[in-house]
Amino acid sequence: MRKRSHLYFGIKTRQYFPYEDILRVWQEADTLPSIEHAWLFDHPMPIGSMDSSGPCLDGWTLLAALAAQTKRVHLGLLVASNVNQTPPWLAKRAATVDIISHGRLEFGLGAGGAQREQEAYGTDFFPAAQRIGRLSETCEVIRRLWREPTVDFEGRYYHFTQACCEPKPMQKPHPPFIIGGWGEQLALRVVARYADIWNGPGPAEAFQQKSRVIDRYCAEIGRDPAMIARSAEIPFDPQENPVTIRQRVGNYIAAGATHLVLAPRTLENGIAHWVCEQIIEPIHSTVGDAESG
């Protein structure tokens, strides 16, 4: 995967909104070169402070629909839950979306661990160390499924005989892995080994420290840390002062993030244009002036 040093902006829409609103935002973003990627999440029910019984569209199904109705933006789930499906199922779903999108998938993956939704939907809830161990094995299995005709695998957590993924993704050798993780002892070791992009879900001050840990783990295994782009998601309310939002984004850029995911909490008409005009383009202008100076 290529080193990514330039700022690479995207937009994320939550699935609490009607399909027509999400489609409108994605198709609008698809016409704006400043927005290079677009994202959903992989939770089957509202999370955080939201009413868990409220509406929430399925991430993989919606992603496939949006992939078919956009042409340019890279796209993915930030991030898919490893514990909600087996590695071969994940490989198959992701490969299908990559084919539908003609090679635009960025494969987001995390260890999972939303206990409330796993209890509600009947998937097993594992301790953190086991979730990270499963994530590591999944990365290995999916890479092989995307390259090899069939895969036999005997790991600590997963066991597969003659697993296959046909057809393969369009991107070669495979779509980029964007791995979400925060824990220094286990999760960031998986990031250092397998990620093309790391998505860090914490505050900017801690983001930089975690990024240094990834650098150290890369050195231990002989991998160039510059091959892992650093990604941050920045939620915001469009009613906020754009200067305040730009300052928040700038904090992550100063901490080393180049893959920026802007996540509006509402989806007003024209929100993608607003994001470009009020956030992305002024930041590009400021960074460009600083580099030229």
Protein backbone atom coordinates (compact mmCIF):
# COMPACT_ATOMS: atom_id res chain seq x y z
CA MET A 1 0.00 0.00 0.00
CA ARG A 2 1.21 3.50 -0.78
CA LYS A 3 2.35 5.90 1.88
CA ARG A 4 -0.33 8.52 2.46
CA SER A 5 1.05 11.83 3.67
CA HIS A 6 -1.50 14.28 2.19
CA LEU A 7 -4.70 15.12 4.01
CA TYR A 8 -7.47 12.76 2.93
CA PHE A 9 -10.95 13.92 4.03
CA GLY A 10 -14.14 11.90 4.25
CA ILE A 11 -17.65 12.08 5.64
CA LYS A 12 -19.56 9.66 7.87
CA THR A 13 -23.34 9.32 8.11
CA ARG A 14 -25.05 7.50 10.92
CA GLN A 15 -27.77 4.98 10.09
CA TYR A 16 -30.38 6.57 12.34
CA PHE A 17 -31.63 8.66 9.40
CA PRO A 18 -33.92 7.56 6.56
CA TYR A 19 -32.28 5.84 3.60
CA GLU A 20 -33.23 8.66 1.24
CA ASP A 21 -31.38 11.23 3.39
CA ILE A 22 -28.24 9.12 3.62
CA LEU A 23 -28.28 8.45 -0.13
CA ARG A 24 -28.69 12.18 -0.81
CA VAL A 25 -25.63 13.03 1.28
CA TRP A 26 -23.48 10.29 -0.28
CA GLN A 27 -24.43 11.23 -3.83
CA GLU A 28 -23.74 14.88 -3.05
CA ALA A 29 -20.35 13.96 -1.54
CA ASP A 30 -19.59 11.86 -4.61
CA THR A 31 -19.61 15.02 -6.74
CA LEU A 32 -17.15 16.90 -4.49
CA PRO A 33 -13.46 16.11 -5.07
CA SER A 34 -12.52 17.42 -1.61
CA ILE A 35 -14.45 14.50 -0.08
CA GLU A 36 -12.48 11.38 -0.93
CA HIS A 37 -14.17 8.75 1.24
CA ALA A 38 -17.53 8.04 2.92
CA TRP A 39 -18.44 5.85 5.91
CA LEU A 40 -21.15 4.04 7.83
CA PHE A 41 -20.89 2.04 11.06
CA ASP A 42 -21.58 -1.64 11.82
CA HIS A 43 -23.86 -1.43 14.87
CA PRO A 44 -27.27 -3.09 14.42
CA MET A 45 -28.88 -0.76 16.97
CA PRO A 46 -28.35 2.82 18.16
CA ILE A 47 -25.43 3.20 20.55
CA GLY A 48 -24.27 5.67 23.17
CA SER A 49 -27.01 7.86 24.56
CA MET A 50 -29.45 7.00 21.76
CA ASP A 51 -32.63 5.05 22.37
CA SER A 52 -31.57 1.46 21.63
CA SER A 53 -35.02 0.65 20.23
CA GLY A 54 -34.83 3.43 17.64
CA PRO A 55 -34.26 3.02 13.89
CA CYS A 56 -30.85 1.89 12.67
CA LEU A 57 -30.22 0.58 9.15
CA ASP A 58 -27.89 -2.39 8.66
CA GLY A 59 -24.37 -1.31 7.77
CA TRP A 60 -23.27 -3.94 5.23
CA THR A 61 -26.60 -3.93 3.36
CA LEU A 62 -26.70 -0.15 3.18
CA LEU A 63 -23.04 0.04 2.16
CA ALA A 64 -23.70 -2.25 -0.81
CA ALA A 65 -26.64 -0.08 -1.88
CA LEU A 66 -24.60 3.11 -1.64
CA ALA A 67 -21.67 1.50 -3.45
CA ALA A 68 -23.99 0.82 -6.39
CA GLN A 69 -25.20 4.43 -6.47
CA THR A 70 -21.88 6.28 -6.20
CA LYS A 71 -18.97 6.36 -8.61
CA ARG A 72 -15.91 8.00 -7.06
CA VAL A 73 -15.66 8.08 -3.26
CA HIS A 74 -13.87 5.30 -1.43
CA LEU A 75 -16.19 3.76 1.14
CA GLY A 76 -16.46 1.42 4.08
CA LEU A 77 -17.66 0.70 7.60
CA LEU A 78 -15.85 2.45 10.41
CA VAL A 79 -15.44 -0.18 11.60
CA ALA A 80 -16.97 -3.62 10.96
CA SER A 81 -17.36 -5.70 14.11
CA ASN A 82 -15.30 -8.86 14.04
CA VAL A 83 -17.53 -10.62 16.56
CA ASN A 84 -20.76 -10.15 14.62
CA GLN A 85 -19.77 -12.53 11.81
CA THR A 86 -17.14 -15.17 11.05
CA PRO A 87 -13.99 -14.25 9.09
CA PRO A 88 -15.13 -16.02 5.87
CA TRP A 89 -18.46 -14.18 6.02
CA LEU A 90 -16.63 -10.88 6.51
CA ALA A 91 -14.31 -11.65 3.61
CA LYS A 92 -17.25 -12.50 1.37
CA ARG A 93 -19.28 -9.41 2.24
CA ALA A 94 -16.32 -7.09 1.85
CA ALA A 95 -15.25 -8.64 -1.46
CA THR A 96 -18.80 -8.26 -2.78
CA VAL A 97 -18.87 -4.55 -1.87
CA ASP A 98 -15.45 -4.04 -3.45
CA ILE A 99 -16.77 -5.58 -6.68
CA ILE A 100 -20.01 -3.56 -6.61
CA SER A 101 -18.00 -0.36 -6.08
CA HIS A 102 -15.44 -1.24 -8.77
CA GLY A 103 -12.58 -1.33 -6.29
CA ARG A 104 -13.42 1.48 -3.86
CA LEU A 105 -13.72 -0.40 -0.56
CA GLU A 106 -11.57 0.49 2.43
CA PHE A 107 -11.99 -2.51 4.72
CA GLY A 108 -12.67 -1.21 8.23
CA LEU A 109 -12.38 -3.80 10.98
CA GLY A 110 -12.38 -3.78 14.77
CA ALA A 111 -12.53 -6.22 17.65
CA GLY A 112 -16.15 -5.42 18.55
CA GLY A 113 -17.37 -5.49 22.09
CA ALA A 114 -20.68 -3.63 22.36
CA GLN A 115 -22.16 -5.93 24.99
CA ARG A 116 -25.70 -4.57 24.82
CA GLU A 117 -26.09 -5.24 21.09
CA GLN A 118 -24.43 -8.66 21.32
CA GLU A 119 -26.85 -9.73 24.03
CA ALA A 120 -29.77 -8.35 22.00
CA TYR A 121 -28.71 -10.05 18.77
CA GLY A 122 -27.45 -13.32 20.21
CA THR A 123 -23.74 -13.10 19.40
CA ASP A 124 -21.16 -14.12 21.97
CA PHE A 125 -19.54 -11.49 24.18
CA PHE A 126 -15.88 -12.30 24.79
CA PRO A 127 -13.33 -10.76 27.18
CA ALA A 128 -11.18 -8.02 25.64
CA ALA A 129 -8.04 -10.14 25.27
CA GLN A 130 -9.96 -12.82 23.41
CA ARG A 131 -11.61 -10.26 21.13
CA ILE A 132 -8.18 -8.91 20.15
CA GLY A 133 -6.87 -12.44 19.62
CA ARG A 134 -9.80 -13.17 17.36
CA LEU A 135 -9.20 -9.92 15.47
CA SER A 136 -5.60 -10.88 14.79
CA GLU A 137 -6.57 -14.30 13.46
CA THR A 138 -9.32 -12.75 11.35
CA CYS A 139 -6.86 -10.38 9.66
CA GLU A 140 -4.66 -13.35 8.73
CA VAL A 141 -7.58 -15.47 7.50
CA ILE A 142 -9.13 -12.72 5.38
CA ARG A 143 -5.84 -11.80 3.75
CA ARG A 144 -5.41 -15.43 2.76
CA LEU A 145 -9.01 -15.79 1.57
CA TRP A 146 -8.50 -12.78 -0.71
CA ARG A 147 -5.35 -14.27 -2.24
CA GLU A 148 -5.65 -18.06 -2.14
CA PRO A 149 -8.20 -20.42 -3.80
CA THR A 150 -9.05 -22.16 -0.51
CA VAL A 151 -7.86 -21.79 3.07
CA ASP A 152 -7.33 -24.33 5.84
CA PHE A 153 -6.76 -22.60 9.17
CA GLU A 154 -6.14 -23.93 12.68
CA GLY A 155 -5.85 -21.06 15.10
CA ARG A 156 -6.52 -20.64 18.77
CA TYR A 157 -10.00 -19.26 18.14
CA TYR A 158 -10.92 -20.13 14.55
CA HIS A 159 -10.83 -23.40 12.64
CA PHE A 160 -11.69 -23.57 8.94
CA THR A 161 -11.44 -26.31 6.35
CA GLN A 162 -11.44 -25.44 2.65
CA ALA A 163 -12.87 -21.96 3.24
CA CYS A 164 -13.05 -19.89 0.07
CA CYS A 165 -13.97 -16.43 -1.14
CA GLU A 166 -14.94 -16.24 -4.79
CA PRO A 167 -14.93 -13.95 -6.58
CA LYS A 168 -11.95 -12.13 -5.11
CA PRO A 169 -12.01 -8.36 -4.47
CA MET A 170 -11.14 -6.14 -7.42
CA GLN A 171 -8.29 -4.41 -5.57
CA LYS A 172 -4.97 -6.23 -5.63
CA PRO A 173 -3.46 -7.65 -3.56
CA HIS A 174 -6.50 -6.73 -1.45
CA PRO A 175 -8.51 -3.71 -0.24
CA PRO A 176 -6.68 -1.64 2.38
CA PHE A 177 -7.26 -2.67 5.99
CA ILE A 178 -8.34 0.18 8.27
CA ILE A 179 -8.19 -1.20 11.80
CA GLY A 180 -9.79 0.54 14.74
CA GLY A 181 -8.14 0.05 18.11
CA TRP A 182 -6.87 1.87 21.17
CA GLY A 183 -5.37 -0.57 23.68
CA GLU A 184 -1.59 -0.33 23.81
CA GLN A 185 -0.81 -3.83 25.05
CA LEU A 186 -2.76 -5.86 22.46
CA ALA A 187 -4.83 -3.92 19.92
CA LEU A 188 -2.05 -1.66 18.66
CA ARG A 189 0.19 -4.68 18.07
CA VAL A 190 -2.47 -5.98 15.65
CA VAL A 191 -2.56 -2.54 14.02
CA ALA A 192 1.22 -2.52 13.58
CA ARG A 193 1.17 -5.91 11.90
CA TYR A 194 -1.90 -5.73 9.67
CA ALA A 195 -3.22 -2.19 9.21
CA ASP A 196 -2.80 0.03 6.17
CA ILE A 197 -4.71 2.71 8.07
CA TRP A 198 -5.16 3.00 11.84
CA ASN A 199 -8.34 4.58 13.17
CA GLY A 200 -7.91 5.86 16.70
CA PRO A 201 -11.19 6.63 18.47
CA GLY A 202 -9.84 8.80 21.30
CA PRO A 203 -9.00 12.47 21.96
CA ALA A 204 -6.25 14.19 19.98
CA GLU A 205 -3.86 14.39 22.93
CA ALA A 206 -3.92 10.62 23.44
CA PHE A 207 -4.04 9.97 19.68
CA GLN A 208 -0.46 11.15 19.26
CA GLN A 209 0.77 8.97 22.12
CA LYS A 210 -0.97 5.90 20.71
CA SER A 211 0.51 6.66 17.31
CA ARG A 212 3.99 6.60 18.82
CA VAL A 213 3.23 3.18 20.31
CA ILE A 214 2.33 1.92 16.83
CA ASP A 215 5.65 3.29 15.55
CA ARG A 216 7.47 1.33 18.25
CA TYR A 217 5.65 -1.90 17.50
CA CYS A 218 6.37 -1.45 13.79
CA ALA A 219 10.08 -1.12 14.59
CA GLU A 220 9.95 -4.37 16.57
CA ILE A 221 8.63 -6.33 13.57
CA GLY A 222 10.66 -4.47 10.94
CA ARG A 223 7.78 -2.62 9.33
CA ASP A 224 8.00 0.98 8.12
CA PRO A 225 5.51 2.91 10.30
CA ALA A 226 4.99 5.41 7.48
CA MET A 227 3.09 2.65 5.65
CA ILE A 228 0.27 3.02 8.20
CA ALA A 229 -1.83 6.16 7.67
CA ARG A 230 -3.38 7.59 10.83
CA SER A 231 -7.16 8.15 10.86
CA ALA A 232 -9.38 10.15 13.20
CA GLU A 233 -13.14 10.55 13.29
CA ILE A 234 -14.36 14.02 14.30
CA PRO A 235 -18.07 14.26 15.16
CA PHE A 236 -19.62 17.72 15.03
CA ASP A 237 -22.89 19.59 15.07
CA PRO A 238 -23.38 21.69 11.91
CA GLN A 239 -24.72 24.46 14.17
CA GLU A 240 -21.29 24.85 15.74
CA ASN A 241 -18.99 27.65 14.73
CA PRO A 242 -16.95 26.32 11.76
CA VAL A 243 -13.81 27.85 13.29
CA THR A 244 -14.28 25.65 16.34
CA ILE A 245 -14.70 22.55 14.19
CA ARG A 246 -11.62 23.40 12.13
CA GLN A 247 -9.60 23.86 15.32
CA ARG A 248 -10.69 20.42 16.51
CA VAL A 249 -9.71 18.87 13.17
CA GLY A 250 -6.42 20.77 13.30
CA ASN A 251 -5.61 19.21 16.66
CA TYR A 252 -5.76 15.77 15.08
CA ILE A 253 -3.69 16.87 12.10
CA ALA A 254 -1.07 18.21 14.51
CA ALA A 255 -1.15 14.81 16.25
CA GLY A 256 -0.33 13.06 12.96
CA ALA A 257 -3.74 12.23 11.44
CA THR A 258 -3.94 12.45 7.66
CA HIS A 259 -7.11 10.38 7.10
CA LEU A 260 -9.87 12.62 8.53
CA VAL A 261 -13.48 11.43 8.88
CA LEU A 262 -15.96 14.26 9.47
CA ALA A 263 -19.16 13.01 11.09
CA PRO A 264 -22.08 15.49 11.14
CA ARG A 265 -24.72 14.68 13.73
CA THR A 266 -27.50 15.87 11.40
CA LEU A 267 -28.00 15.59 7.65
CA GLU A 268 -29.40 18.90 6.46
CA ASN A 269 -29.73 19.57 2.75
CA GLY A 270 -26.35 20.61 1.38
CA ILE A 271 -24.37 19.25 4.33
CA ALA A 272 -21.63 17.78 2.12
CA HIS A 273 -21.14 21.12 0.36
CA TRP A 274 -21.07 22.82 3.77
CA VAL A 275 -18.39 20.42 5.00
CA CYS A 276 -16.25 21.20 1.95
CA GLU A 277 -16.71 24.96 2.07
CA GLN A 278 -16.52 25.49 5.82
CA ILE A 279 -14.08 22.80 6.96
CA ILE A 280 -12.10 20.98 4.29
CA GLU A 281 -11.20 23.75 1.85
CA PRO A 282 -10.11 26.27 4.53
CA ILE A 283 -7.92 23.60 6.13
CA HIS A 284 -6.39 22.65 2.78
CA SER A 285 -5.73 26.32 2.13
CA THR A 286 -4.06 26.81 5.51
CA VAL A 287 -1.93 23.67 5.21
CA GLY A 288 -0.95 24.60 1.66
CA ASP A 289 0.10 28.10 2.73
CA ALA A 290 2.15 26.65 5.60
CA GLU A 291 3.91 24.15 3.35
CA SER A 292 4.68 26.75 0.68
CA GLY A 293 6.03 29.12 3.31
